[in-house]
Amino acid sequence: MIYFVNGNPPSDEFILAAYKIYCEDLNLPYSPQKILRDGKPRFEDGVKFNLTHSGEYTVVAFSESEVGIDLEKKEKRNLERLKAYLDFDGDDDLFYDEWTRREAELKKEGKGIESIRNFKPQFAKNVFFAEGYSFAVCGDCGQIKEILWKRKKYLKK
């Protein structure tokens, strides 16, 4: 499952609140979790997650298997150096789609951004998220759901 908020709450607070909603949505027993950070972040119970944020949105994906997501706001800027660095020949919209696919798959594999230059994604897919954004998912995540964030309280929409 993928959850997002319009805003930039503290990352751990958002992850833990969204995890509680994830458990409710899937009728899983919920118990407060500690985020383990020895290597790729994960929960004690084995549930995998990945976080991304860009522009006005913060997004987290949960899965029983490894997952990677990336969100980029399509901003008007000179991308020529990045395109050359990635050996990418295409328009800006396609560049953002390519970048998010690469980053989502690298995140799923637990690799750093320094590997992005020569990396060719095979499994990540772009999914519509919001106008003016590029969003990619790699892994089995299911639906995208919005969470309302108000004064440090998270509510299902």
Protein backbone atom coordinates (compact mmCIF):
# COMPACT_ATOMS: atom_id res chain seq x y z
CA MET A 1 0.00 0.00 0.00
CA ILE A 2 1.10 3.53 -0.72
CA TYR A 3 0.10 6.43 1.51
CA PHE A 4 0.72 10.12 1.00
CA VAL A 5 0.09 13.46 2.61
CA ASN A 6 -0.01 16.92 1.18
CA GLY A 7 2.72 18.44 3.29
CA ASN A 8 6.12 17.66 4.72
CA PRO A 9 5.67 16.15 8.17
CA PRO A 10 8.60 14.71 10.14
CA SER A 11 9.56 11.52 8.29
CA ASP A 12 9.55 9.01 11.16
CA GLU A 13 6.30 10.38 12.57
CA PHE A 14 4.62 10.03 9.18
CA ILE A 15 6.01 6.54 8.53
CA LEU A 16 4.81 5.25 11.91
CA ALA A 17 1.35 6.83 11.58
CA ALA A 18 0.93 5.49 8.04
CA TYR A 19 2.06 2.05 9.22
CA LYS A 20 -0.77 1.99 11.77
CA ILE A 21 -3.26 2.82 8.99
CA TYR A 22 -1.65 0.15 6.76
CA CYS A 23 -2.27 -2.46 9.47
CA GLU A 24 -5.89 -1.30 9.86
CA ASP A 25 -6.47 -1.37 6.08
CA LEU A 26 -5.17 -4.94 5.81
CA ASN A 27 -6.69 -6.15 9.09
CA LEU A 28 -3.24 -6.95 10.42
CA PRO A 29 -2.47 -6.92 14.13
CA TYR A 30 -0.85 -3.62 14.98
CA SER A 31 1.91 -3.15 17.47
CA PRO A 32 4.12 -0.08 17.70
CA GLN A 33 7.28 -0.63 15.69
CA LYS A 34 10.82 0.54 15.89
CA ILE A 35 12.44 1.55 12.61
CA LEU A 36 15.61 -0.48 12.15
CA ARG A 37 18.33 1.41 10.32
CA ASP A 38 21.14 -1.13 10.00
CA GLY A 39 21.23 -1.14 6.22
CA LYS A 40 17.99 -0.44 4.38
CA PRO A 41 15.38 0.90 6.84
CA ARG A 42 12.66 -1.59 7.83
CA PHE A 43 10.39 -2.49 10.73
CA GLU A 44 11.10 -5.05 13.43
CA ASP A 45 8.16 -7.18 12.22
CA GLY A 46 9.71 -7.53 8.74
CA VAL A 47 7.38 -5.16 6.87
CA LYS A 48 9.39 -3.24 4.29
CA PHE A 49 8.85 0.42 3.48
CA ASN A 50 10.26 3.21 1.38
CA LEU A 51 9.80 6.98 1.66
CA THR A 52 10.00 9.80 -0.87
CA HIS A 53 9.06 13.45 -0.86
CA SER A 54 9.07 16.24 -3.39
CA GLY A 55 7.27 19.54 -3.69
CA GLU A 56 4.13 19.48 -1.56
CA TYR A 57 3.94 15.70 -1.03
CA THR A 58 5.38 13.04 1.25
CA VAL A 59 4.80 9.42 0.21
CA VAL A 60 5.50 6.06 1.88
CA ALA A 61 5.03 2.54 0.48
CA PHE A 62 4.69 -0.62 2.57
CA SER A 63 5.11 -4.19 1.40
CA GLU A 64 5.94 -7.67 2.65
CA SER A 65 8.74 -7.69 0.06
CA GLU A 66 11.33 -5.06 -0.84
CA VAL A 67 9.88 -1.89 -2.32
CA GLY A 68 11.21 1.34 -3.80
CA ILE A 69 9.41 4.54 -4.75
CA ASP A 70 10.45 7.94 -6.05
CA LEU A 71 8.55 11.17 -6.58
CA GLU A 72 9.90 14.21 -8.42
CA LYS A 73 8.18 17.53 -8.99
CA LYS A 74 8.63 18.50 -12.64
CA GLU A 75 10.23 21.87 -12.17
CA LYS A 76 11.31 24.17 -14.96
CA ARG A 77 15.09 24.02 -14.86
CA ASN A 78 18.02 23.26 -17.11
CA LEU A 79 18.36 19.47 -17.18
CA GLU A 80 20.96 19.26 -19.93
CA ARG A 81 23.86 18.36 -17.61
CA LEU A 82 21.83 15.65 -15.88
CA LYS A 83 20.64 14.29 -19.22
CA ALA A 84 24.23 14.14 -20.47
CA TYR A 85 25.36 12.49 -17.23
CA LEU A 86 22.70 9.77 -17.63
CA ASP A 87 23.27 9.53 -21.40
CA PHE A 88 19.58 10.36 -21.85
CA ASP A 89 18.18 11.82 -25.06
CA GLY A 90 14.59 12.92 -24.63
CA ASP A 91 12.33 15.72 -23.49
CA ASP A 92 12.13 16.92 -19.88
CA ASP A 93 8.92 15.00 -19.02
CA LEU A 94 10.45 11.74 -20.22
CA PHE A 95 13.63 12.55 -18.30
CA TYR A 96 11.71 12.87 -15.03
CA ASP A 97 9.98 9.54 -15.74
CA GLU A 98 13.33 7.87 -16.44
CA TRP A 99 14.94 9.37 -13.32
CA THR A 100 12.11 8.22 -11.03
CA ARG A 101 12.17 4.68 -12.49
CA ARG A 102 15.92 4.45 -11.95
CA GLU A 103 15.78 5.83 -8.43
CA ALA A 104 12.79 3.68 -7.37
CA GLU A 105 14.49 0.49 -8.54
CA LEU A 106 17.82 1.44 -6.94
CA LYS A 107 16.01 2.16 -3.67
CA LYS A 108 14.27 -1.22 -3.83
CA GLU A 109 17.64 -2.90 -4.27
CA GLY A 110 19.13 -0.87 -1.41
CA LYS A 111 21.68 0.80 -3.68
CA GLY A 112 22.71 4.43 -3.46
CA ILE A 113 22.07 7.22 -5.92
CA GLU A 114 25.73 7.08 -6.97
CA SER A 115 24.78 4.00 -9.04
CA ILE A 116 22.18 5.88 -11.11
CA ARG A 117 24.40 6.86 -14.04
CA ASN A 118 24.75 3.48 -15.76
CA PHE A 119 21.71 1.84 -14.22
CA LYS A 120 18.93 0.67 -16.53
CA PRO A 121 15.69 -0.09 -14.67
CA GLN A 122 13.91 -3.30 -15.60
CA PHE A 123 11.02 -3.52 -13.15
CA ALA A 124 10.08 0.00 -11.98
CA LYS A 125 6.95 1.53 -13.50
CA ASN A 126 5.71 5.08 -13.67
CA VAL A 127 2.27 5.57 -12.14
CA PHE A 128 0.19 8.74 -12.32
CA PHE A 129 0.33 10.49 -8.97
CA ALA A 130 -0.47 14.19 -9.45
CA GLU A 131 -0.29 16.76 -12.21
CA GLY A 132 3.22 18.14 -12.54
CA TYR A 133 4.90 15.16 -10.85
CA SER A 134 6.61 11.99 -11.96
CA PHE A 135 6.18 8.97 -9.69
CA ALA A 136 7.64 5.49 -10.01
CA VAL A 137 7.11 2.28 -8.06
CA CYS A 138 9.24 -0.84 -7.93
CA GLY A 139 7.74 -3.73 -6.00
CA ASP A 140 4.35 -5.01 -4.95
CA CYS A 141 2.62 -2.03 -3.33
CA GLY A 142 -1.05 -2.11 -4.25
CA GLN A 143 -3.27 0.95 -3.97
CA ILE A 144 -2.38 4.60 -3.42
CA LYS A 145 -4.30 6.27 -0.59
CA GLU A 146 -4.24 9.79 0.77
CA ILE A 147 -3.86 10.45 4.46
CA LEU A 148 -4.94 13.79 5.82
CA TRP A 149 -2.36 15.42 8.05
CA LYS A 150 -3.54 18.03 10.49
CA ARG A 151 -1.75 19.14 13.62
CA LYS A 152 0.26 15.94 13.95
CA LYS A 153 -2.84 13.75 13.57
CA TYR A 154 -3.28 11.43 10.64
CA LEU A 155 -6.72 10.48 9.42
CA LYS A 156 -7.82 8.22 6.63
CA LYS A 157 -9.42 10.12 3.79
